[in-house]
C-alpha atoms as a PDB file:
ATOM      1  CA  MET A   1       0.025   8.451  -7.477  1.00  0.00           C
ATOM      2  CA  GLU A   2       2.836   8.151 -10.240  1.00  0.00           C
ATOM      3  CA  GLN A   3       5.841   8.904  -7.679  1.00  0.00           C
ATOM      4  CA  VAL A   4       4.030   6.023  -5.134  1.00  0.00           C
ATOM      5  CA  ILE A   5       3.757   3.254  -7.571  1.00  0.00           C
ATOM      6  CA  ASN A   6       7.235   4.066  -8.788  1.00  0.00           C
ATOM      7  CA  LEU A   7       8.729   3.559  -5.095  1.00  0.00           C
ATOM      8  CA  LYS A   8      11.372   0.269  -5.016  1.00  0.00           C
ATOM      9  CA  ILE A   9      12.067  -1.248  -2.036  1.00  0.00           C
ATOM     10  CA  GLU A  10      13.502  -4.877  -2.087  1.00  0.00           C
ATOM     11  CA  GLY A  11      11.138  -7.588  -1.063  1.00  0.00           C
ATOM     12  CA  LEU A  12       8.319  -5.525  -1.046  1.00  0.00           C
ATOM     13  CA  THR A  13       5.809  -5.231  -4.351  1.00  0.00           C
ATOM     14  CA  ILE A  14       3.555  -2.616  -4.840  1.00  0.00           C
ATOM     15  CA  GLU A  15       0.877  -4.512  -6.550  1.00  0.00           C
ATOM     16  CA  LYS A  16      -1.944  -1.734  -6.987  1.00  0.00           C
ATOM     17  CA  CYS A  17      -2.434   1.805  -6.216  1.00  0.00           C
ATOM     18  CA  TYR A  18      -6.463   2.699  -6.224  1.00  0.00           C
ATOM     19  CA  ARG A  19      -7.339   6.234  -6.179  1.00  0.00           C
ATOM     20  CA  ILE A  20     -10.015   6.426  -3.608  1.00  0.00           C
ATOM     21  CA  THR A  21     -12.786   9.014  -2.035  1.00  0.00           C
ATOM     22  CA  GLY A  22     -13.676   9.617   1.408  1.00  0.00           C
ATOM     23  CA  GLN A  23     -11.000  10.417   4.354  1.00  0.00           C
ATOM     24  CA  TRP A  24      -7.877   9.111   2.220  1.00  0.00           C
ATOM     25  CA  CYS A  25      -6.883   9.811  -1.431  1.00  0.00           C
ATOM     26  CA  ILE A  26      -5.094   6.555  -2.011  1.00  0.00           C
ATOM     27  CA  MET A  27      -5.075   2.949  -1.384  1.00  0.00           C
ATOM     28  CA  LEU A  28      -2.012   0.758  -2.094  1.00  0.00           C
ATOM     29  CA  LYS A  29      -2.157  -3.320  -2.000  1.00  0.00           C
ATOM     30  CA  ILE A  30       1.554  -4.588  -1.114  1.00  0.00           C
ATOM     31  CA  ARG A  31       3.027  -7.507  -0.836  1.00  0.00           C
ATOM     32  CA  ALA A  32       5.915  -7.507   1.920  1.00  0.00           C
ATOM     33  CA  SER A  33       7.614 -10.659   3.786  1.00  0.00           C
ATOM     34  CA  LEU A  34       8.902  -8.474   6.503  1.00  0.00           C
ATOM     35  CA  THR A  35       7.587  -5.591   8.494  1.00  0.00           C
ATOM     36  CA  GLU A  36      10.621  -3.746   7.926  1.00  0.00           C
ATOM     37  CA  GLN A  37       9.932  -3.152   4.532  1.00  0.00           C
ATOM     38  CA  VAL A  38       6.644  -1.690   5.483  1.00  0.00           C
ATOM     39  CA  THR A  39       8.372   0.588   7.830  1.00  0.00           C
ATOM     40  CA  LEU A  40      10.552   1.332   4.921  1.00  0.00           C
ATOM     41  CA  LEU A  41       7.465   2.144   2.629  1.00  0.00           C
ATOM     42  CA  HIS A  42       5.590   3.990   5.212  1.00  0.00           C
ATOM     43  CA  ASP A  43       8.975   6.206   5.256  1.00  0.00           C
ATOM     44  CA  GLU A  44       9.387   6.723   1.747  1.00  0.00           C
ATOM     45  CA  LEU A  45       5.825   7.366   1.665  1.00  0.00           C
ATOM     46  CA  LEU A  46       6.060  10.455   3.750  1.00  0.00           C
ATOM     47  CA  LYS A  47       9.094  11.586   1.853  1.00  0.00           C
ATOM     48  CA  ILE A  48       6.621  12.706  -1.172  1.00  0.00           C
ATOM     49  CA  GLU A  49       5.474  16.469  -1.027  1.00  0.00           C
ATOM     50  CA  GLY A  50       1.937  16.630  -0.155  1.00  0.00           C
ATOM     51  CA  MET A  51       1.815  13.118   1.777  1.00  0.00           C
ATOM     52  CA  SER A  52       1.309  13.762   5.522  1.00  0.00           C
ATOM     53  CA  ASP A  53      -0.353  10.865   7.196  1.00  0.00           C
ATOM     54  CA  THR A  54      -0.966   7.178   6.717  1.00  0.00           C
ATOM     55  CA  PHE A  55      -2.750   4.355   7.533  1.00  0.00           C
ATOM     56  CA  THR A  56      -2.241   0.911   7.951  1.00  0.00           C
ATOM     57  CA  MET A  57      -4.485  -2.041   7.633  1.00  0.00           C
ATOM     58  CA  LEU A  58      -3.549  -5.877   6.796  1.00  0.00           C
ATOM     59  CA  ILE A  59      -6.148  -8.195   4.619  1.00  0.00           C
ATOM     60  CA  LEU A  60      -6.581 -11.402   6.872  1.00  0.00           C
ATOM     61  CA  SER A  61      -8.505 -13.402   4.191  1.00  0.00           C
ATOM     62  CA  GLU A  62     -10.038 -12.752   0.685  1.00  0.00           C
ATOM     63  CA  ALA A  63     -13.284 -14.452  -0.787  1.00  0.00           C
ATOM     64  CA  ASN A  64     -15.013 -13.596  -4.440  1.00  0.00           C
ATOM     65  CA  LYS A  65     -18.072 -14.603  -6.010  1.00  0.00           C
ATOM     66  CA  ASN A  66     -16.527 -17.637  -7.667  1.00  0.00           C
ATOM     67  CA  GLN A  67     -14.852 -19.116  -5.369  1.00  0.00           C
ATOM     68  CA  GLN A  68     -16.129 -21.290  -2.499  1.00  0.00           C
ATOM     69  CA  LEU A  69     -15.115 -20.525   1.241  1.00  0.00           C
END
């Protein structure tokens, strides 16, 4: 996780790195202004030893208990 959280890509921020259970080992919450930055992140992730695959999802909206929809 340390290698992942320390990746530096201009214009992209890794906000959170979660260790999770299930099919995948980690989940990242990132912010990027361009899809090219996400592509660069993907390329850098696959250079990390032991990293063999990725899965990408987009958050379209967010709600929490204390916020009206």
